[in-house]
Amino acid sequence: MDIAIPIITLVVGLLGGFFIGVYYLRRQMTTMQNDPEMLQKVAKQMGYNLNGKQMQRAQQMMKNQNPGRSPGAGKGQNRKGK
């Protein structure tokens, strides 16, 4: 019993931290979609300098992307072999 309580506490803490992190990240992504200055700042931190057209395309891609789905998921599924 002396070992079980710390292990249970650790697992609950890890799960709680994970879900809080996911919530925070989703909120930040939603904020970034609506704020072009924030998107520009993130792009500059990654080494990209976006012009106006690229910025609009990036915002559109973020708005159209389904949550929980990677950008390349499902590509090529409907293709038939030659």
N, C-alpha and C. Protein backbone atom coordinates (compact mmCIF):
# COMPACT_ATOMS: atom_id res chain seq x y z
N MET A 1 0.83 -1.19 0.00
CA MET A 1 0.00 0.00 0.00
C MET A 1 0.87 1.25 0.00
N ASP A 2 2.07 1.16 0.59
CA ASP A 2 2.96 2.32 0.62
C ASP A 2 3.49 2.66 -0.77
N ILE A 3 3.56 1.67 -1.66
CA ILE A 3 4.06 1.91 -3.01
C ILE A 3 2.92 2.26 -3.96
N ALA A 4 1.73 1.77 -3.71
CA ALA A 4 0.60 1.95 -4.62
C ALA A 4 0.15 3.41 -4.71
N ILE A 5 0.12 4.11 -3.60
CA ILE A 5 -0.38 5.50 -3.59
C ILE A 5 0.52 6.41 -4.44
N PRO A 6 1.86 6.36 -4.31
CA PRO A 6 2.68 7.21 -5.18
C PRO A 6 2.55 6.86 -6.67
N ILE A 7 2.41 5.57 -6.98
CA ILE A 7 2.26 5.16 -8.38
C ILE A 7 0.94 5.67 -8.93
N ILE A 8 -0.13 5.53 -8.18
CA ILE A 8 -1.44 6.02 -8.61
C ILE A 8 -1.41 7.54 -8.78
N THR A 9 -0.77 8.21 -7.85
CA THR A 9 -0.65 9.67 -7.94
C THR A 9 0.13 10.08 -9.18
N LEU A 10 1.21 9.36 -9.48
CA LEU A 10 2.01 9.65 -10.67
C LEU A 10 1.18 9.47 -11.94
N VAL A 11 0.45 8.38 -12.04
CA VAL A 11 -0.37 8.11 -13.23
C VAL A 11 -1.45 9.17 -13.38
N VAL A 12 -2.12 9.51 -12.30
CA VAL A 12 -3.17 10.54 -12.37
C VAL A 12 -2.56 11.89 -12.76
N GLY A 13 -1.40 12.22 -12.23
CA GLY A 13 -0.74 13.46 -12.57
C GLY A 13 -0.32 13.51 -14.03
N LEU A 14 0.22 12.40 -14.55
CA LEU A 14 0.60 12.36 -15.96
C LEU A 14 -0.61 12.50 -16.88
N LEU A 15 -1.67 11.79 -16.56
CA LEU A 15 -2.89 11.90 -17.38
C LEU A 15 -3.48 13.30 -17.31
N GLY A 16 -3.52 13.87 -16.13
CA GLY A 16 -4.04 15.24 -15.98
C GLY A 16 -3.19 16.24 -16.75
N GLY A 17 -1.88 16.11 -16.66
CA GLY A 17 -0.98 17.00 -17.38
C GLY A 17 -1.13 16.86 -18.89
N PHE A 18 -1.30 15.64 -19.35
CA PHE A 18 -1.49 15.41 -20.78
C PHE A 18 -2.74 16.11 -21.28
N PHE A 19 -3.86 15.92 -20.59
CA PHE A 19 -5.11 16.51 -21.05
C PHE A 19 -5.11 18.03 -20.93
N ILE A 20 -4.46 18.56 -19.92
CA ILE A 20 -4.33 20.01 -19.81
C ILE A 20 -3.46 20.54 -20.95
N GLY A 21 -2.40 19.83 -21.29
CA GLY A 21 -1.54 20.23 -22.40
C GLY A 21 -2.27 20.21 -23.73
N VAL A 22 -3.07 19.19 -23.97
CA VAL A 22 -3.85 19.10 -25.21
C VAL A 22 -4.83 20.25 -25.30
N TYR A 23 -5.51 20.54 -24.20
CA TYR A 23 -6.47 21.65 -24.18
C TYR A 23 -5.78 22.98 -24.48
N TYR A 24 -4.62 23.20 -23.85
CA TYR A 24 -3.88 24.45 -24.05
C TYR A 24 -3.41 24.58 -25.50
N LEU A 25 -2.88 23.49 -26.06
CA LEU A 25 -2.39 23.52 -27.44
C LEU A 25 -3.52 23.80 -28.42
N ARG A 26 -4.67 23.17 -28.23
CA ARG A 26 -5.82 23.42 -29.11
C ARG A 26 -6.27 24.87 -29.02
N ARG A 27 -6.28 25.41 -27.82
CA ARG A 27 -6.68 26.81 -27.64
C ARG A 27 -5.70 27.75 -28.33
N GLN A 28 -4.40 27.45 -28.23
CA GLN A 28 -3.40 28.27 -28.89
C GLN A 28 -3.53 28.20 -30.41
N MET A 29 -3.82 27.02 -30.95
CA MET A 29 -3.99 26.87 -32.39
C MET A 29 -5.20 27.65 -32.88
N THR A 30 -6.26 27.64 -32.12
CA THR A 30 -7.46 28.40 -32.49
C THR A 30 -7.16 29.89 -32.48
N THR A 31 -6.43 30.34 -31.49
CA THR A 31 -6.05 31.75 -31.40
C THR A 31 -5.16 32.13 -32.57
N MET A 32 -4.24 31.25 -32.94
CA MET A 32 -3.31 31.53 -34.02
C MET A 32 -4.05 31.63 -35.36
N GLN A 33 -5.10 30.86 -35.55
CA GLN A 33 -5.88 30.91 -36.79
C GLN A 33 -6.47 32.30 -36.98
N ASN A 34 -6.91 32.92 -35.91
CA ASN A 34 -7.60 34.20 -36.00
C ASN A 34 -6.67 35.40 -35.88
N ASP A 35 -5.40 35.18 -35.58
CA ASP A 35 -4.46 36.28 -35.37
C ASP A 35 -3.28 36.16 -36.33
N PRO A 36 -3.30 36.90 -37.44
CA PRO A 36 -2.22 36.79 -38.41
C PRO A 36 -0.85 37.18 -37.85
N GLU A 37 -0.81 38.11 -36.91
CA GLU A 37 0.47 38.52 -36.32
C GLU A 37 1.11 37.37 -35.55
N MET A 38 0.29 36.60 -34.85
CA MET A 38 0.81 35.47 -34.09
C MET A 38 1.32 34.38 -35.05
N LEU A 39 0.60 34.15 -36.14
CA LEU A 39 1.02 33.17 -37.13
C LEU A 39 2.34 33.60 -37.78
N GLN A 40 2.47 34.88 -38.06
CA GLN A 40 3.71 35.42 -38.64
C GLN A 40 4.87 35.24 -37.66
N LYS A 41 4.61 35.46 -36.38
CA LYS A 41 5.65 35.33 -35.36
C LYS A 41 6.14 33.88 -35.28
N VAL A 42 5.21 32.93 -35.30
CA VAL A 42 5.58 31.52 -35.24
C VAL A 42 6.37 31.13 -36.49
N ALA A 43 5.93 31.63 -37.65
CA ALA A 43 6.64 31.32 -38.89
C ALA A 43 8.07 31.86 -38.85
N LYS A 44 8.27 33.06 -38.33
CA LYS A 44 9.61 33.63 -38.24
C LYS A 44 10.48 32.83 -37.27
N GLN A 45 9.89 32.33 -36.19
CA GLN A 45 10.65 31.51 -35.25
C GLN A 45 11.11 30.22 -35.90
N MET A 46 10.32 29.72 -36.86
CA MET A 46 10.68 28.49 -37.57
C MET A 46 11.59 28.77 -38.77
N GLY A 47 11.89 30.04 -39.03
CA GLY A 47 12.80 30.38 -40.11
C GLY A 47 12.12 30.72 -41.42
N TYR A 48 10.82 30.93 -41.42
CA TYR A 48 10.09 31.28 -42.63
C TYR A 48 9.65 32.73 -42.57
N ASN A 49 9.68 33.39 -43.72
CA ASN A 49 9.19 34.75 -43.81
C ASN A 49 8.03 34.73 -44.81
N LEU A 50 6.80 34.78 -44.31
CA LEU A 50 5.62 34.66 -45.15
C LEU A 50 5.17 36.01 -45.68
N ASN A 51 4.87 36.04 -46.99
CA ASN A 51 4.28 37.26 -47.54
C ASN A 51 2.75 37.18 -47.35
N GLY A 52 2.03 38.19 -47.82
CA GLY A 52 0.58 38.25 -47.58
C GLY A 52 -0.19 37.07 -48.15
N LYS A 53 0.17 36.66 -49.37
CA LYS A 53 -0.54 35.54 -50.01
C LYS A 53 -0.26 34.23 -49.26
N GLN A 54 0.99 34.02 -48.89
CA GLN A 54 1.33 32.81 -48.14
C GLN A 54 0.64 32.79 -46.78
N MET A 55 0.51 33.96 -46.17
CA MET A 55 -0.16 34.07 -44.87
C MET A 55 -1.63 33.67 -45.01
N GLN A 56 -2.28 34.16 -46.05
CA GLN A 56 -3.69 33.81 -46.27
C GLN A 56 -3.85 32.32 -46.51
N ARG A 57 -2.93 31.73 -47.29
CA ARG A 57 -3.01 30.29 -47.55
C ARG A 57 -2.79 29.48 -46.28
N ALA A 58 -1.86 29.91 -45.45
CA ALA A 58 -1.59 29.21 -44.19
C ALA A 58 -2.80 29.27 -43.27
N GLN A 59 -3.44 30.45 -43.19
CA GLN A 59 -4.64 30.57 -42.35
C GLN A 59 -5.76 29.71 -42.89
N GLN A 60 -5.93 29.69 -44.21
CA GLN A 60 -6.99 28.89 -44.81
C GLN A 60 -6.75 27.40 -44.55
N MET A 61 -5.49 26.97 -44.67
CA MET A 61 -5.18 25.56 -44.41
C MET A 61 -5.49 25.19 -42.97
N MET A 62 -5.17 26.09 -42.03
CA MET A 62 -5.42 25.80 -40.62
C MET A 62 -6.91 25.73 -40.34
N LYS A 63 -7.70 26.58 -41.00
CA LYS A 63 -9.15 26.57 -40.77
C LYS A 63 -9.80 25.34 -41.37
N ASN A 64 -9.28 24.87 -42.52
CA ASN A 64 -9.88 23.73 -43.21
C ASN A 64 -9.45 22.39 -42.63
N GLN A 65 -8.38 22.39 -41.87
CA GLN A 65 -7.85 21.13 -41.35
C GLN A 65 -8.76 20.58 -40.27
N ASN A 66 -9.11 19.28 -40.38
CA ASN A 66 -9.96 18.63 -39.38
C ASN A 66 -9.14 18.37 -38.14
N PRO A 67 -9.69 18.63 -36.93
CA PRO A 67 -8.94 18.35 -35.71
C PRO A 67 -8.70 16.85 -35.54
N GLY A 68 -7.50 16.52 -35.11
CA GLY A 68 -7.18 15.12 -34.85
C GLY A 68 -6.77 14.37 -36.09
N ARG A 69 -6.62 15.05 -37.21
CA ARG A 69 -6.25 14.38 -38.45
C ARG A 69 -4.99 15.03 -38.98
N SER A 70 -4.01 14.22 -39.35
CA SER A 70 -2.77 14.78 -39.88
C SER A 70 -3.00 15.28 -41.29
N PRO A 71 -2.20 16.25 -41.76
CA PRO A 71 -2.43 16.86 -43.06
C PRO A 71 -2.36 15.87 -44.21
N GLY A 72 -1.55 14.83 -44.13
CA GLY A 72 -1.42 13.88 -45.23
C GLY A 72 -2.29 12.65 -45.09
N ALA A 73 -3.09 12.57 -44.05
CA ALA A 73 -3.88 11.37 -43.81
C ALA A 73 -4.95 11.21 -44.88
N GLY A 74 -5.07 10.01 -45.38
CA GLY A 74 -6.13 9.72 -46.32
C GLY A 74 -5.77 10.00 -47.76
N LYS A 75 -4.61 10.57 -48.03
CA LYS A 75 -4.24 10.85 -49.41
C LYS A 75 -3.91 9.55 -50.13
N GLY A 76 -4.43 9.44 -51.33
CA GLY A 76 -4.12 8.28 -52.14
C GLY A 76 -4.99 7.07 -51.88
N GLN A 77 -5.98 7.18 -51.04
CA GLN A 77 -6.82 6.03 -50.74
C GLN A 77 -7.78 5.72 -51.87
N ASN A 78 -8.19 6.73 -52.63
CA ASN A 78 -9.16 6.52 -53.69
C ASN A 78 -8.51 6.30 -55.04
N ARG A 79 -7.21 6.17 -55.10
CA ARG A 79 -6.51 5.99 -56.36
C ARG A 79 -6.56 4.53 -56.79
N LYS A 80 -6.71 4.32 -58.08
CA LYS A 80 -6.72 2.97 -58.63
C LYS A 80 -5.38 2.71 -59.28
N GLY A 81 -4.93 1.48 -59.21
CA GLY A 81 -3.67 1.11 -59.84
C GLY A 81 -3.78 1.16 -61.34
N LYS A 82 -2.66 1.44 -62.02
CA LYS A 82 -2.67 1.53 -63.49
C LYS A 82 -2.36 0.20 -64.11
